[in-house]
């Protein structure tokens, strides 16, 4: 996973790179403070760069992240098949499982 994330340096700005973290082989993307179109662009590019089956945890926040949470559920981010799943232990996070 971390080798795939190294490609991000060629596509994303330094500020965007800081939004990514890999914990135990899982990718976390923090979209706090982004507008829906900017978060959508970031996630579309992320999915396009990663190969194979991946799980992305999108941290959108609980109080002010409602718009991004709805965007994740109602907008097609990729031609690839994926599912959006609620994370039971954190209502401010959504899991994207990309096949």
Protein backbone atom coordinates (compact mmCIF):
# COMPACT_ATOMS: atom_id res chain seq x y z
CA UNK A 1 0.00 0.00 0.00
CA UNK A 2 2.71 2.50 0.93
CA UNK A 3 4.40 1.96 -2.46
CA UNK A 4 1.16 2.90 -4.20
CA UNK A 5 0.81 6.00 -2.01
CA UNK A 6 4.26 7.19 -3.16
CA UNK A 7 2.67 7.89 -6.57
CA UNK A 8 0.53 10.52 -4.87
CA UNK A 9 3.50 12.91 -4.71
CA UNK A 10 3.32 13.29 -8.50
CA UNK A 11 -0.39 14.13 -8.57
CA UNK A 12 -1.35 15.87 -5.33
CA UNK A 13 -0.18 19.10 -3.75
CA UNK A 14 1.79 19.07 -0.49
CA UNK A 15 -1.35 20.11 1.40
CA UNK A 16 -3.30 17.23 -0.12
CA UNK A 17 -0.53 14.74 0.68
CA UNK A 18 -0.88 15.61 4.35
CA UNK A 19 -4.49 14.41 4.21
CA UNK A 20 -3.37 10.81 3.64
CA UNK A 21 -2.19 8.32 6.22
CA UNK A 22 -1.63 4.57 6.12
CA UNK A 23 -2.33 2.70 9.35
CA UNK A 24 -1.90 -1.08 9.47
CA UNK A 25 -2.03 -1.23 5.68
CA UNK A 26 -5.30 0.73 5.43
CA UNK A 27 -5.57 4.13 3.77
CA UNK A 28 -7.18 7.02 5.66
CA UNK A 29 -8.11 10.25 3.88
CA UNK A 30 -9.02 13.27 6.00
CA UNK A 31 -11.33 15.61 4.06
CA UNK A 32 -12.15 17.95 6.97
CA UNK A 33 -12.49 21.52 5.80
CA UNK A 34 -12.86 20.69 2.11
CA UNK A 35 -15.87 21.59 0.04
CA UNK A 36 -17.80 18.73 -1.55
CA UNK A 37 -16.36 19.31 -5.04
CA UNK A 38 -12.78 19.41 -3.69
CA UNK A 39 -13.31 16.29 -1.58
CA UNK A 40 -14.88 14.56 -4.58
CA UNK A 41 -11.89 15.43 -6.80
CA UNK A 42 -9.43 14.22 -4.16
CA UNK A 43 -11.24 10.91 -3.73
CA UNK A 44 -11.72 10.33 -7.47
CA UNK A 45 -8.01 10.84 -8.08
CA UNK A 46 -7.14 8.60 -5.14
CA UNK A 47 -9.26 5.73 -6.43
CA UNK A 48 -7.83 6.17 -9.93
CA UNK A 49 -4.24 5.91 -8.67
CA UNK A 50 -4.71 2.81 -6.53
CA UNK A 51 -4.81 -0.65 -8.09
CA UNK A 52 -6.44 -3.83 -6.89
CA UNK A 53 -8.96 -4.24 -4.12
CA UNK A 54 -8.62 -1.42 -1.61
CA UNK A 55 -10.37 -0.04 1.43
CA UNK A 56 -10.32 3.70 1.98
CA UNK A 57 -11.50 5.27 5.21
CA UNK A 58 -12.78 8.78 4.53
CA UNK A 59 -12.72 11.02 7.60
CA UNK A 60 -15.35 13.69 7.01
CA UNK A 61 -16.29 14.64 10.55
CA UNK A 62 -19.47 14.20 12.49
CA UNK A 63 -20.78 17.72 13.12
CA UNK A 64 -19.92 19.53 9.89
CA UNK A 65 -19.19 16.53 7.67
CA UNK A 66 -22.81 15.78 6.79
CA UNK A 67 -22.61 17.23 3.26
CA UNK A 68 -19.54 15.18 2.37
CA UNK A 69 -21.09 12.08 3.91
CA UNK A 70 -24.16 12.50 1.70
CA UNK A 71 -21.98 13.20 -1.33
CA UNK A 72 -20.16 9.90 -0.76
CA UNK A 73 -23.44 8.01 -0.74
CA UNK A 74 -25.10 9.79 -3.67
CA UNK A 75 -22.25 10.47 -6.12
CA UNK A 76 -20.43 7.98 -8.33
CA UNK A 77 -16.71 8.47 -7.65
CA UNK A 78 -15.36 5.87 -10.04
CA UNK A 79 -16.23 3.50 -12.86
CA UNK A 80 -14.88 0.76 -10.65
CA UNK A 81 -17.32 -1.08 -8.42
CA UNK A 82 -17.28 0.09 -4.82
CA UNK A 83 -19.47 0.17 -1.75
CA UNK A 84 -19.89 2.87 0.84
CA UNK A 85 -20.22 1.52 4.35
CA UNK A 86 -20.99 3.16 7.66
CA UNK A 87 -18.22 2.78 10.25
CA UNK A 88 -19.99 1.70 13.44
CA UNK A 89 -17.32 2.88 15.84
CA UNK A 90 -17.02 6.37 14.26
CA UNK A 91 -20.00 8.27 12.79
CA UNK A 92 -17.60 10.85 11.29
CA UNK A 93 -16.03 8.29 9.00
CA UNK A 94 -17.17 6.35 5.90
CA UNK A 95 -15.51 3.23 4.50
CA UNK A 96 -15.14 2.89 0.71
CA UNK A 97 -14.50 -0.70 -0.37
CA UNK A 98 -13.26 -0.64 -3.96
CA UNK A 99 -13.14 -3.84 -6.01
